[in-house]
Amino acid sequence: MNAALPTPADLQAAFLARGYVADDALATALRLVVALGKPLLLEGPAGVGKTEAAKTLAATLGTRLIRLQCYEGLDAQSALYEWNYARQLLHLRAAELGGQGGVTDEDLYSERFLMARPLLQAIREEQAPVLLIDEVDRADDAFEAFLLELLAEWQITVPELGTIEARTRPHVILTSNRSRELSDALRRRCLYHWTEYPSRAQELAIVHARLPGVNETLAQQVTNAVHALRALPLGKPPGVAETLDWAAALVSLHADHLDAPGIRATLGAVLKLREDQLLAAPTLQGLAAQAAGHQSGA
């Protein structure tokens, strides 16, 4: 157990101090990652703070964040290590020019020429890092099978160097936007938490935590507007990141409330598809009119 974080409430407070508003369920799940040494699968729509949760956990624990960004075609080799072929070639040429013969495979395939990628880096850390395997749903089944073996054994084999065992077990966070279904085997290996869009109250708290000093009226109107937009059948609904970007853009324009000119000037901060902007236009016009009515009433 980590004595510095004995309760989920303490973890929530530590996250809030770093501008992240975590609910009870997420704080408990993250605490269990540390307490039990089990990976945590964070699943949910894009832009709800899954990646940021891992970053904040690393900052809270005072340890290194190591991130593996998954993509289609990612293989085990790319995630583990590479040999620095350019340095190996220079070494060979230098040996030839210096009249040194007999450069062996042991010389070329040694630690000095090994380039560790995220998974090998995580295994070799002296202090348990937070290993973020981001958007694991974008990788294919073969890589997922490799991850299962790694999460079970916490060791890898480099043919030229032998087996490398983990010095400490990393705190592992996997994220998924559910673009494809993950295997039952991977799910069984992990703790699980579904990360939903925050409530209005939670999102308002996030805006204040990340943008201290933001005008209260503007913060409330932006939060309400984003929730209204998420109720529409948008291609890319705005996440929390877009809420913060939108509020920050309006603050940079010295806005103290949401109005039609401000919406037009900053719409690209919250809606990233032209089709979504057209679909949302009537809703945004109504929100601007409502905000104007409140301003005139005030």
C-alpha atoms as a PDB file:
ATOM      1  CA  MET A   1       0.000   0.000   0.000  1.00  0.00           C
ATOM      2  CA  ASN A   2       1.134   3.531  -0.700  1.00  0.00           C
ATOM      3  CA  ALA A   3       0.971   5.334   2.640  1.00  0.00           C
ATOM      4  CA  ALA A   4       0.875   8.720   0.924  1.00  0.00           C
ATOM      5  CA  LEU A   5      -2.492   7.855  -0.640  1.00  0.00           C
ATOM      6  CA  PRO A   6      -4.384   5.799   1.961  1.00  0.00           C
ATOM      7  CA  THR A   7      -7.870   6.631   0.695  1.00  0.00           C
ATOM      8  CA  PRO A   8      -9.642   7.492  -2.561  1.00  0.00           C
ATOM      9  CA  ALA A   9     -10.620  10.811  -0.953  1.00  0.00           C
ATOM     10  CA  ASP A  10      -6.967  11.725  -0.535  1.00  0.00           C
ATOM     11  CA  LEU A  11      -6.354  10.774  -4.152  1.00  0.00           C
ATOM     12  CA  GLN A  12      -9.276  12.976  -5.244  1.00  0.00           C
ATOM     13  CA  ALA A  13      -7.806  15.906  -3.317  1.00  0.00           C
ATOM     14  CA  ALA A  14      -4.382  15.354  -4.872  1.00  0.00           C
ATOM     15  CA  PHE A  15      -5.924  15.235  -8.352  1.00  0.00           C
ATOM     16  CA  LEU A  16      -7.982  18.379  -7.718  1.00  0.00           C
ATOM     17  CA  ALA A  17      -4.835  20.225  -6.679  1.00  0.00           C
ATOM     18  CA  ARG A  18      -3.515  19.420 -10.159  1.00  0.00           C
ATOM     19  CA  GLY A  19      -6.681  20.572 -11.920  1.00  0.00           C
ATOM     20  CA  TYR A  20      -8.315  17.155 -12.423  1.00  0.00           C
ATOM     21  CA  VAL A  21     -11.771  16.521 -10.986  1.00  0.00           C
ATOM     22  CA  ALA A  22     -12.065  12.767 -10.303  1.00  0.00           C
ATOM     23  CA  ASP A  23     -15.277  11.183  -9.051  1.00  0.00           C
ATOM     24  CA  ASP A  24     -15.387   8.554  -6.302  1.00  0.00           C
ATOM     25  CA  ALA A  25     -15.433   5.591  -8.685  1.00  0.00           C
ATOM     26  CA  LEU A  26     -12.421   6.729 -10.716  1.00  0.00           C
ATOM     27  CA  ALA A  27     -10.433   7.625  -7.594  1.00  0.00           C
ATOM     28  CA  THR A  28     -11.149   4.183  -6.149  1.00  0.00           C
ATOM     29  CA  ALA A  29     -10.165   2.430  -9.377  1.00  0.00           C
ATOM     30  CA  LEU A  30      -6.879   4.334  -9.576  1.00  0.00           C
ATOM     31  CA  ARG A  31      -6.160   3.617  -5.926  1.00  0.00           C
ATOM     32  CA  LEU A  32      -6.618  -0.103  -6.602  1.00  0.00           C
ATOM     33  CA  VAL A  33      -4.087   0.091  -9.424  1.00  0.00           C
ATOM     34  CA  VAL A  34      -1.502   1.106  -6.835  1.00  0.00           C
ATOM     35  CA  ALA A  35      -2.763  -1.163  -4.052  1.00  0.00           C
ATOM     36  CA  LEU A  36      -3.244  -4.374  -6.063  1.00  0.00           C
ATOM     37  CA  GLY A  37      -0.706  -3.933  -8.842  1.00  0.00           C
ATOM     38  CA  LYS A  38      -3.352  -4.688 -11.470  1.00  0.00           C
ATOM     39  CA  PRO A  39      -3.779  -2.861 -14.789  1.00  0.00           C
ATOM     40  CA  LEU A  40      -6.797  -0.578 -15.201  1.00  0.00           C
ATOM     41  CA  LEU A  41      -8.756  -0.373 -18.437  1.00  0.00           C
ATOM     42  CA  LEU A  42     -10.342   3.069 -18.814  1.00  0.00           C
ATOM     43  CA  GLU A  43     -12.985   2.966 -21.501  1.00  0.00           C
ATOM     44  CA  GLY A  44     -15.301   5.690 -22.751  1.00  0.00           C
ATOM     45  CA  PRO A  45     -15.849   8.280 -25.468  1.00  0.00           C
ATOM     46  CA  ALA A  46     -12.982  10.401 -26.715  1.00  0.00           C
ATOM     47  CA  GLY A  47     -12.191  13.534 -24.769  1.00  0.00           C
ATOM     48  CA  VAL A  48     -13.420  12.568 -21.303  1.00  0.00           C
ATOM     49  CA  GLY A  49     -10.027  12.676 -19.570  1.00  0.00           C
ATOM     50  CA  LYS A  50      -8.805   9.079 -19.735  1.00  0.00           C
ATOM     51  CA  THR A  51      -5.284   9.962 -20.838  1.00  0.00           C
ATOM     52  CA  GLU A  52      -5.162  12.915 -18.470  1.00  0.00           C
ATOM     53  CA  ALA A  53      -6.057  10.608 -15.567  1.00  0.00           C
ATOM     54  CA  ALA A  54      -2.897   8.579 -16.175  1.00  0.00           C
ATOM     55  CA  LYS A  55      -0.780  11.725 -16.448  1.00  0.00           C
ATOM     56  CA  THR A  56      -2.219  13.085 -13.221  1.00  0.00           C
ATOM     57  CA  LEU A  57      -1.677   9.769 -11.427  1.00  0.00           C
ATOM     58  CA  ALA A  58       2.017   9.864 -12.373  1.00  0.00           C
ATOM     59  CA  ALA A  59       2.325  13.439 -11.111  1.00  0.00           C
ATOM     60  CA  THR A  60       0.513  12.541  -7.898  1.00  0.00           C
ATOM     61  CA  LEU A  61       2.757   9.539  -7.242  1.00  0.00           C
ATOM     62  CA  GLY A  62       5.868  11.541  -8.139  1.00  0.00           C
ATOM     63  CA  THR A  63       6.919   8.998 -10.728  1.00  0.00           C
ATOM     64  CA  ARG A  64       7.625   8.896 -14.443  1.00  0.00           C
ATOM     65  CA  LEU A  65       4.854   8.661 -17.027  1.00  0.00           C
ATOM     66  CA  ILE A  66       5.742   6.364 -19.929  1.00  0.00           C
ATOM     67  CA  ARG A  67       3.257   6.495 -22.782  1.00  0.00           C
ATOM     68  CA  LEU A  68       2.771   3.997 -25.576  1.00  0.00           C
ATOM     69  CA  GLN A  69       0.468   5.434 -28.231  1.00  0.00           C
ATOM     70  CA  CYS A  70      -1.205   2.552 -30.055  1.00  0.00           C
ATOM     71  CA  TYR A  71      -2.003   2.608 -33.763  1.00  0.00           C
ATOM     72  CA  GLU A  72      -3.010   0.190 -36.478  1.00  0.00           C
ATOM     73  CA  GLY A  73      -0.063  -2.010 -37.397  1.00  0.00           C
ATOM     74  CA  LEU A  74       1.827  -1.496 -34.133  1.00  0.00           C
ATOM     75  CA  ASP A  75       3.930  -4.576 -33.429  1.00  0.00           C
ATOM     76  CA  ALA A  76       5.739  -5.843 -30.360  1.00  0.00           C
ATOM     77  CA  GLN A  77       9.157  -4.915 -31.702  1.00  0.00           C
ATOM     78  CA  SER A  78       8.213  -1.259 -32.181  1.00  0.00           C
ATOM     79  CA  ALA A  79       6.787  -1.095 -28.664  1.00  0.00           C
ATOM     80  CA  LEU A  80       9.787  -2.793 -27.030  1.00  0.00           C
ATOM     81  CA  TYR A  81      13.120  -1.838 -28.564  1.00  0.00           C
ATOM     82  CA  GLU A  82      15.161  -1.165 -31.696  1.00  0.00           C
ATOM     83  CA  TRP A  83      18.806  -1.475 -32.538  1.00  0.00           C
ATOM     84  CA  ASN A  84      20.509   1.797 -33.466  1.00  0.00           C
ATOM     85  CA  TYR A  85      21.678   0.709 -36.885  1.00  0.00           C
ATOM     86  CA  ALA A  86      23.202   4.104 -37.709  1.00  0.00           C
ATOM     87  CA  ARG A  87      25.458   3.973 -34.628  1.00  0.00           C
ATOM     88  CA  GLN A  88      26.330   0.349 -35.319  1.00  0.00           C
ATOM     89  CA  LEU A  89      27.408   1.270 -38.849  1.00  0.00           C
ATOM     90  CA  LEU A  90      29.517   4.179 -37.589  1.00  0.00           C
ATOM     91  CA  HIS A  91      31.121   1.852 -35.060  1.00  0.00           C
ATOM     92  CA  LEU A  92      32.039  -0.592 -37.820  1.00  0.00           C
ATOM     93  CA  ARG A  93      33.510   2.150 -40.001  1.00  0.00           C
ATOM     94  CA  ALA A  94      35.469   3.613 -37.122  1.00  0.00           C
ATOM     95  CA  ALA A  95      36.875   0.172 -36.340  1.00  0.00           C
ATOM     96  CA  GLU A  96      37.905  -0.285 -39.975  1.00  0.00           C
ATOM     97  CA  LEU A  97      39.564   3.148 -40.185  1.00  0.00           C
ATOM     98  CA  GLY A  98      41.348   2.547 -36.921  1.00  0.00           C
ATOM     99  CA  GLY A  99      42.719  -0.720 -38.125  1.00  0.00           C
ATOM    100  CA  GLN A 100      40.720  -2.661 -35.593  1.00  0.00           C
ATOM    101  CA  GLY A 101      39.444  -5.948 -36.834  1.00  0.00           C
ATOM    102  CA  GLY A 102      37.262  -8.610 -35.419  1.00  0.00           C
ATOM    103  CA  VAL A 103      34.169  -6.584 -34.509  1.00  0.00           C
ATOM    104  CA  THR A 104      31.824  -9.256 -33.208  1.00  0.00           C
ATOM    105  CA  ASP A 105      28.079  -9.543 -32.907  1.00  0.00           C
ATOM    106  CA  GLU A 106      28.539  -9.149 -29.140  1.00  0.00           C
ATOM    107  CA  ASP A 107      30.135  -5.759 -29.793  1.00  0.00           C
ATOM    108  CA  LEU A 108      27.375  -4.603 -32.118  1.00  0.00           C
ATOM    109  CA  TYR A 109      24.415  -6.014 -30.242  1.00  0.00           C
ATOM    110  CA  SER A 110      25.196  -4.616 -26.820  1.00  0.00           C
ATOM    111  CA  GLU A 111      23.490  -2.179 -24.459  1.00  0.00           C
ATOM    112  CA  ARG A 112      25.209   0.840 -26.010  1.00  0.00           C
ATOM    113  CA  PHE A 113      23.329   0.299 -29.286  1.00  0.00           C
ATOM    114  CA  LEU A 114      19.973  -0.673 -27.797  1.00  0.00           C
ATOM    115  CA  MET A 115      17.182   1.919 -28.068  1.00  0.00           C
ATOM    116  CA  ALA A 116      14.477   1.161 -25.516  1.00  0.00           C
ATOM    117  CA  ARG A 117      10.892   1.875 -26.535  1.00  0.00           C
ATOM    118  CA  PRO A 118       8.065   2.465 -24.023  1.00  0.00           C
ATOM    119  CA  LEU A 119       7.468  -1.105 -22.837  1.00  0.00           C
ATOM    120  CA  LEU A 120      11.148  -1.860 -22.263  1.00  0.00           C
ATOM    121  CA  GLN A 121      11.606   1.539 -20.610  1.00  0.00           C
ATOM    122  CA  ALA A 122       8.789   0.706 -18.183  1.00  0.00           C
ATOM    123  CA  ILE A 123      10.329  -2.643 -17.280  1.00  0.00           C
ATOM    124  CA  ARG A 124      13.749  -1.124 -16.587  1.00  0.00           C
ATOM    125  CA  GLU A 125      12.652   1.760 -14.341  1.00  0.00           C
ATOM    126  CA  GLU A 126      13.953   1.589 -10.772  1.00  0.00           C
ATOM    127  CA  GLN A 127      10.849   3.364  -9.417  1.00  0.00           C
ATOM    128  CA  ALA A 128       7.519   1.981 -10.590  1.00  0.00           C
ATOM    129  CA  PRO A 129       6.363   4.286 -13.409  1.00  0.00           C
ATOM    130  CA  VAL A 130       2.854   4.855 -14.683  1.00  0.00           C
ATOM    131  CA  LEU A 131       2.709   3.009 -17.995  1.00  0.00           C
ATOM    132  CA  LEU A 132      -0.014   4.472 -20.207  1.00  0.00           C
ATOM    133  CA  ILE A 133      -1.027   2.195 -23.085  1.00  0.00           C
ATOM    134  CA  ASP A 134      -3.141   4.736 -24.917  1.00  0.00           C
ATOM    135  CA  GLU A 135      -5.985   3.831 -27.295  1.00  0.00           C
ATOM    136  CA  VAL A 136      -5.269   0.117 -27.166  1.00  0.00           C
ATOM    137  CA  ASP A 137      -8.372  -0.449 -29.303  1.00  0.00           C
ATOM    138  CA  ARG A 138      -6.475   0.995 -32.288  1.00  0.00           C
ATOM    139  CA  ALA A 139      -3.922  -1.836 -32.206  1.00  0.00           C
ATOM    140  CA  ASP A 140      -4.683  -5.243 -33.696  1.00  0.00           C
ATOM    141  CA  ASP A 141      -5.371  -8.630 -32.128  1.00  0.00           C
ATOM    142  CA  ALA A 142      -1.770  -9.811 -32.421  1.00  0.00           C
ATOM    143  CA  PHE A 143      -0.467  -6.902 -30.370  1.00  0.00           C
ATOM    144  CA  GLU A 144      -3.227  -7.404 -27.826  1.00  0.00           C
ATOM    145  CA  ALA A 145      -2.115 -11.045 -27.430  1.00  0.00           C
ATOM    146  CA  PHE A 146       1.456  -9.883 -26.868  1.00  0.00           C
ATOM    147  CA  LEU A 147       0.257  -7.452 -24.188  1.00  0.00           C
ATOM    148  CA  LEU A 148      -1.467 -10.301 -22.360  1.00  0.00           C
ATOM    149  CA  GLU A 149       1.832 -12.169 -22.108  1.00  0.00           C
ATOM    150  CA  LEU A 150       3.701  -9.068 -20.962  1.00  0.00           C
ATOM    151  CA  LEU A 151       1.117  -8.189 -18.303  1.00  0.00           C
ATOM    152  CA  ALA A 152       1.314 -11.739 -16.979  1.00  0.00           C
ATOM    153  CA  GLU A 153       5.091 -12.202 -16.902  1.00  0.00           C
ATOM    154  CA  TRP A 154       6.582  -8.706 -16.747  1.00  0.00           C
ATOM    155  CA  GLN A 155       9.662  -9.832 -18.581  1.00  0.00           C
ATOM    156  CA  ILE A 156      10.819  -9.721 -22.172  1.00  0.00           C
ATOM    157  CA  THR A 157      13.466 -11.514 -24.154  1.00  0.00           C
ATOM    158  CA  VAL A 158      15.934  -9.674 -26.370  1.00  0.00           C
ATOM    159  CA  PRO A 159      17.501 -12.508 -28.378  1.00  0.00           C
ATOM    160  CA  GLU A 160      20.954 -10.897 -28.389  1.00  0.00           C
ATOM    161  CA  LEU A 161      20.911  -9.999 -24.677  1.00  0.00           C
ATOM    162  CA  GLY A 162      18.682 -12.575 -23.003  1.00  0.00           C
ATOM    163  CA  THR A 163      15.682 -12.164 -20.717  1.00  0.00           C
ATOM    164  CA  ILE A 164      15.087  -8.831 -18.997  1.00  0.00           C
ATOM    165  CA  GLU A 165      12.829  -8.929 -15.938  1.00  0.00           C
ATOM    166  CA  ALA A 166      10.953  -5.946 -14.544  1.00  0.00           C
ATOM    167  CA  ARG A 167      12.798  -4.176 -11.743  1.00  0.00           C
ATOM    168  CA  THR A 168       9.489  -2.889 -10.400  1.00  0.00           C
ATOM    169  CA  ARG A 169       5.949  -3.550 -11.586  1.00  0.00           C
ATOM    170  CA  PRO A 170       4.594  -0.488 -13.424  1.00  0.00           C
ATOM    171  CA  HIS A 171       1.208   1.037 -12.612  1.00  0.00           C
ATOM    172  CA  VAL A 172      -0.554   0.254 -15.886  1.00  0.00           C
ATOM    173  CA  ILE A 173      -3.401   2.282 -17.378  1.00  0.00           C
ATOM    174  CA  LEU A 174      -4.925   1.187 -20.683  1.00  0.00           C
ATOM    175  CA  THR A 175      -7.364   3.477 -22.479  1.00  0.00           C
ATOM    176  CA  SER A 176      -9.911   2.613 -25.149  1.00  0.00           C
ATOM    177  CA  ASN A 177     -12.383   4.701 -27.133  1.00  0.00           C
ATOM    178  CA  ARG A 178     -14.125   1.426 -28.043  1.00  0.00           C
ATOM    179  CA  SER A 179     -13.487   1.731 -31.762  1.00  0.00           C
ATOM    180  CA  ARG A 180     -13.294  -2.076 -31.695  1.00  0.00           C
ATOM    181  CA  GLU A 181     -14.146  -4.693 -29.089  1.00  0.00           C
ATOM    182  CA  LEU A 182     -11.257  -5.858 -26.920  1.00  0.00           C
ATOM    183  CA  SER A 183     -10.788  -9.526 -26.093  1.00  0.00           C
ATOM    184  CA  ASP A 184     -12.307 -11.096 -23.007  1.00  0.00           C
ATOM    185  CA  ALA A 185      -8.825 -12.243 -21.985  1.00  0.00           C
ATOM    186  CA  LEU A 186      -7.521  -8.674 -21.832  1.00  0.00           C
ATOM    187  CA  ARG A 187     -10.593  -7.483 -19.957  1.00  0.00           C
ATOM    188  CA  ARG A 188     -10.197 -10.254 -17.380  1.00  0.00           C
ATOM    189  CA  ARG A 189      -6.607  -9.205 -16.809  1.00  0.00           C
ATOM    190  CA  CYS A 190      -7.631  -5.640 -15.901  1.00  0.00           C
ATOM    191  CA  LEU A 191      -9.675  -3.665 -13.475  1.00  0.00           C
ATOM    192  CA  TYR A 192     -12.331  -1.721 -15.388  1.00  0.00           C
ATOM    193  CA  HIS A 193     -13.836   1.751 -15.283  1.00  0.00           C
ATOM    194  CA  TRP A 194     -16.219   3.329 -17.768  1.00  0.00           C
ATOM    195  CA  THR A 195     -15.461   7.042 -18.060  1.00  0.00           C
ATOM    196  CA  GLU A 196     -18.550   9.009 -19.035  1.00  0.00           C
ATOM    197  CA  TYR A 197     -18.951  12.662 -19.892  1.00  0.00           C
ATOM    198  CA  PRO A 198     -19.082  14.607 -16.624  1.00  0.00           C
ATOM    199  CA  SER A 199     -22.294  16.044 -15.238  1.00  0.00           C
ATOM    200  CA  ARG A 200     -22.859  19.783 -15.590  1.00  0.00           C
ATOM    201  CA  ALA A 201     -21.735  20.348 -12.008  1.00  0.00           C
ATOM    202  CA  GLN A 202     -18.613  18.258 -12.507  1.00  0.00           C
ATOM    203  CA  GLU A 203     -17.743  19.943 -15.773  1.00  0.00           C
ATOM    204  CA  LEU A 204     -18.233  23.382 -14.264  1.00  0.00           C
ATOM    205  CA  ALA A 205     -15.859  22.366 -11.468  1.00  0.00           C
ATOM    206  CA  ILE A 206     -13.341  21.210 -14.099  1.00  0.00           C
ATOM    207  CA  VAL A 207     -13.524  24.582 -15.882  1.00  0.00           C
ATOM    208  CA  HIS A 208     -12.851  26.412 -12.636  1.00  0.00           C
ATOM    209  CA  ALA A 209     -10.047  24.013 -11.683  1.00  0.00           C
ATOM    210  CA  ARG A 210      -8.264  24.341 -15.021  1.00  0.00           C
ATOM    211  CA  LEU A 211      -9.062  28.002 -15.721  1.00  0.00           C
ATOM    212  CA  PRO A 212      -8.809  29.808 -12.373  1.00  0.00           C
ATOM    213  CA  GLY A 213     -10.427  33.213 -12.379  1.00  0.00           C
ATOM    214  CA  VAL A 214     -12.788  32.502 -15.295  1.00  0.00           C
ATOM    215  CA  ASN A 215     -15.974  34.558 -15.116  1.00  0.00           C
ATOM    216  CA  GLU A 216     -18.703  32.512 -13.399  1.00  0.00           C
ATOM    217  CA  THR A 217     -21.392  33.493 -15.913  1.00  0.00           C
ATOM    218  CA  LEU A 218     -19.165  32.554 -18.846  1.00  0.00           C
ATOM    219  CA  ALA A 219     -18.162  29.247 -17.236  1.00  0.00           C
ATOM    220  CA  GLN A 220     -21.787  28.278 -16.636  1.00  0.00           C
ATOM    221  CA  GLN A 221     -22.914  29.297 -20.121  1.00  0.00           C
ATOM    222  CA  VAL A 222     -20.083  27.415 -21.851  1.00  0.00           C
ATOM    223  CA  THR A 223     -20.750  24.316 -19.744  1.00  0.00           C
ATOM    224  CA  ASN A 224     -24.484  24.440 -20.496  1.00  0.00           C
ATOM    225  CA  ALA A 225     -23.808  24.992 -24.191  1.00  0.00           C
ATOM    226  CA  VAL A 226     -21.469  21.995 -24.427  1.00  0.00           C
ATOM    227  CA  HIS A 227     -24.041  19.757 -22.758  1.00  0.00           C
ATOM    228  CA  ALA A 228     -26.675  20.986 -25.206  1.00  0.00           C
ATOM    229  CA  LEU A 229     -24.335  20.192 -28.108  1.00  0.00           C
ATOM    230  CA  ARG A 230     -23.690  16.669 -26.817  1.00  0.00           C
ATOM    231  CA  ALA A 231     -27.422  16.005 -26.969  1.00  0.00           C
ATOM    232  CA  LEU A 232     -27.274  16.478 -30.760  1.00  0.00           C
ATOM    233  CA  PRO A 233     -26.383  13.642 -33.188  1.00  0.00           C
ATOM    234  CA  LEU A 234     -22.937  15.069 -33.878  1.00  0.00           C
ATOM    235  CA  GLY A 235     -20.161  13.238 -35.692  1.00  0.00           C
ATOM    236  CA  LYS A 236     -17.607  14.332 -33.089  1.00  0.00           C
ATOM    237  CA  PRO A 237     -19.269  15.465 -29.856  1.00  0.00           C
ATOM    238  CA  PRO A 238     -17.123  17.871 -27.848  1.00  0.00           C
ATOM    239  CA  GLY A 239     -15.121  16.382 -25.002  1.00  0.00           C
ATOM    240  CA  VAL A 240     -13.921  18.051 -21.844  1.00  0.00           C
ATOM    241  CA  ALA A 241     -10.819  19.240 -23.680  1.00  0.00           C
ATOM    242  CA  GLU A 242     -13.052  21.145 -26.109  1.00  0.00           C
ATOM    243  CA  THR A 243     -14.994  22.678 -23.214  1.00  0.00           C
ATOM    244  CA  LEU A 244     -11.735  24.005 -21.772  1.00  0.00           C
ATOM    245  CA  ASP A 245     -10.466  25.173 -25.161  1.00  0.00           C
ATOM    246  CA  TRP A 246     -13.719  27.001 -25.843  1.00  0.00           C
ATOM    247  CA  ALA A 247     -13.774  28.713 -22.476  1.00  0.00           C
ATOM    248  CA  ALA A 248     -10.090  29.669 -22.820  1.00  0.00           C
ATOM    249  CA  ALA A 249     -10.682  31.049 -26.329  1.00  0.00           C
ATOM    250  CA  LEU A 250     -13.552  33.222 -25.090  1.00  0.00           C
ATOM    251  CA  VAL A 251     -11.499  34.425 -22.128  1.00  0.00           C
ATOM    252  CA  SER A 252      -8.690  35.381 -24.520  1.00  0.00           C
ATOM    253  CA  LEU A 253     -11.212  37.567 -26.369  1.00  0.00           C
ATOM    254  CA  HIS A 254     -12.157  39.213 -23.041  1.00  0.00           C
ATOM    255  CA  ALA A 255     -15.672  37.776 -23.159  1.00  0.00           C
ATOM    256  CA  ASP A 256     -17.620  37.685 -19.907  1.00  0.00           C
ATOM    257  CA  HIS A 257     -20.642  35.887 -21.362  1.00  0.00           C
ATOM    258  CA  LEU A 258     -21.612  33.801 -24.371  1.00  0.00           C
ATOM    259  CA  ASP A 259     -22.970  35.786 -27.313  1.00  0.00           C
ATOM    260  CA  ALA A 260     -23.413  35.297 -31.051  1.00  0.00           C
ATOM    261  CA  PRO A 261     -20.199  37.093 -32.141  1.00  0.00           C
ATOM    262  CA  GLY A 262     -18.169  35.166 -29.589  1.00  0.00           C
ATOM    263  CA  ILE A 263     -19.663  31.850 -30.718  1.00  0.00           C
ATOM    264  CA  ARG A 264     -18.899  32.595 -34.380  1.00  0.00           C
ATOM    265  CA  ALA A 265     -15.327  33.612 -33.558  1.00  0.00           C
ATOM    266  CA  THR A 266     -14.526  30.557 -31.437  1.00  0.00           C
ATOM    267  CA  LEU A 267     -16.704  27.784 -32.854  1.00  0.00           C
ATOM    268  CA  GLY A 268     -13.666  25.936 -34.190  1.00  0.00           C
ATOM    269  CA  ALA A 269     -12.502  25.377 -30.618  1.00  0.00           C
ATOM    270  CA  VAL A 270     -15.507  23.205 -29.784  1.00  0.00           C
ATOM    271  CA  LEU A 271     -16.822  21.680 -33.039  1.00  0.00           C
ATOM    272  CA  LYS A 272     -14.226  20.199 -35.396  1.00  0.00           C
ATOM    273  CA  LEU A 273     -16.440  19.092 -38.301  1.00  0.00           C
ATOM    274  CA  ARG A 274     -18.151  21.458 -40.721  1.00  0.00           C
ATOM    275  CA  GLU A 275     -21.208  19.202 -40.756  1.00  0.00           C
ATOM    276  CA  ASP A 276     -21.441  19.408 -36.968  1.00  0.00           C
ATOM    277  CA  GLN A 277     -21.189  23.202 -37.062  1.00  0.00           C
ATOM    278  CA  LEU A 278     -24.074  23.397 -39.538  1.00  0.00           C
ATOM    279  CA  LEU A 279     -26.164  20.914 -37.554  1.00  0.00           C
ATOM    280  CA  ALA A 280     -25.568  22.809 -34.317  1.00  0.00           C
ATOM    281  CA  ALA A 281     -26.263  26.277 -35.728  1.00  0.00           C
ATOM    282  CA  PRO A 282     -29.923  26.511 -34.580  1.00  0.00           C
ATOM    283  CA  THR A 283     -29.021  25.270 -31.101  1.00  0.00           C
ATOM    284  CA  LEU A 284     -26.171  27.764 -30.822  1.00  0.00           C
ATOM    285  CA  GLN A 285     -28.395  30.606 -32.007  1.00  0.00           C
ATOM    286  CA  GLY A 286     -30.906  29.713 -29.322  1.00  0.00           C
ATOM    287  CA  LEU A 287     -28.185  29.602 -26.655  1.00  0.00           C
ATOM    288  CA  ALA A 288     -26.863  32.995 -27.733  1.00  0.00           C
ATOM    289  CA  ALA A 289     -30.375  34.485 -27.609  1.00  0.00           C
ATOM    290  CA  GLN A 290     -30.949  32.962 -24.183  1.00  0.00           C
ATOM    291  CA  ALA A 291     -27.651  34.356 -22.897  1.00  0.00           C
ATOM    292  CA  ALA A 292     -28.489  37.768 -24.316  1.00  0.00           C
ATOM    293  CA  GLY A 293     -31.830  37.692 -22.530  1.00  0.00           C
ATOM    294  CA  HIS A 294     -30.109  36.932 -19.238  1.00  0.00           C
ATOM    295  CA  GLN A 295     -27.650  39.757 -19.799  1.00  0.00           C
ATOM    296  CA  SER A 296     -30.387  42.287 -20.552  1.00  0.00           C
ATOM    297  CA  GLY A 297     -32.360  41.054 -17.554  1.00  0.00           C
ATOM    298  CA  ALA A 298     -29.295  41.506 -15.359  1.00  0.00           C
END
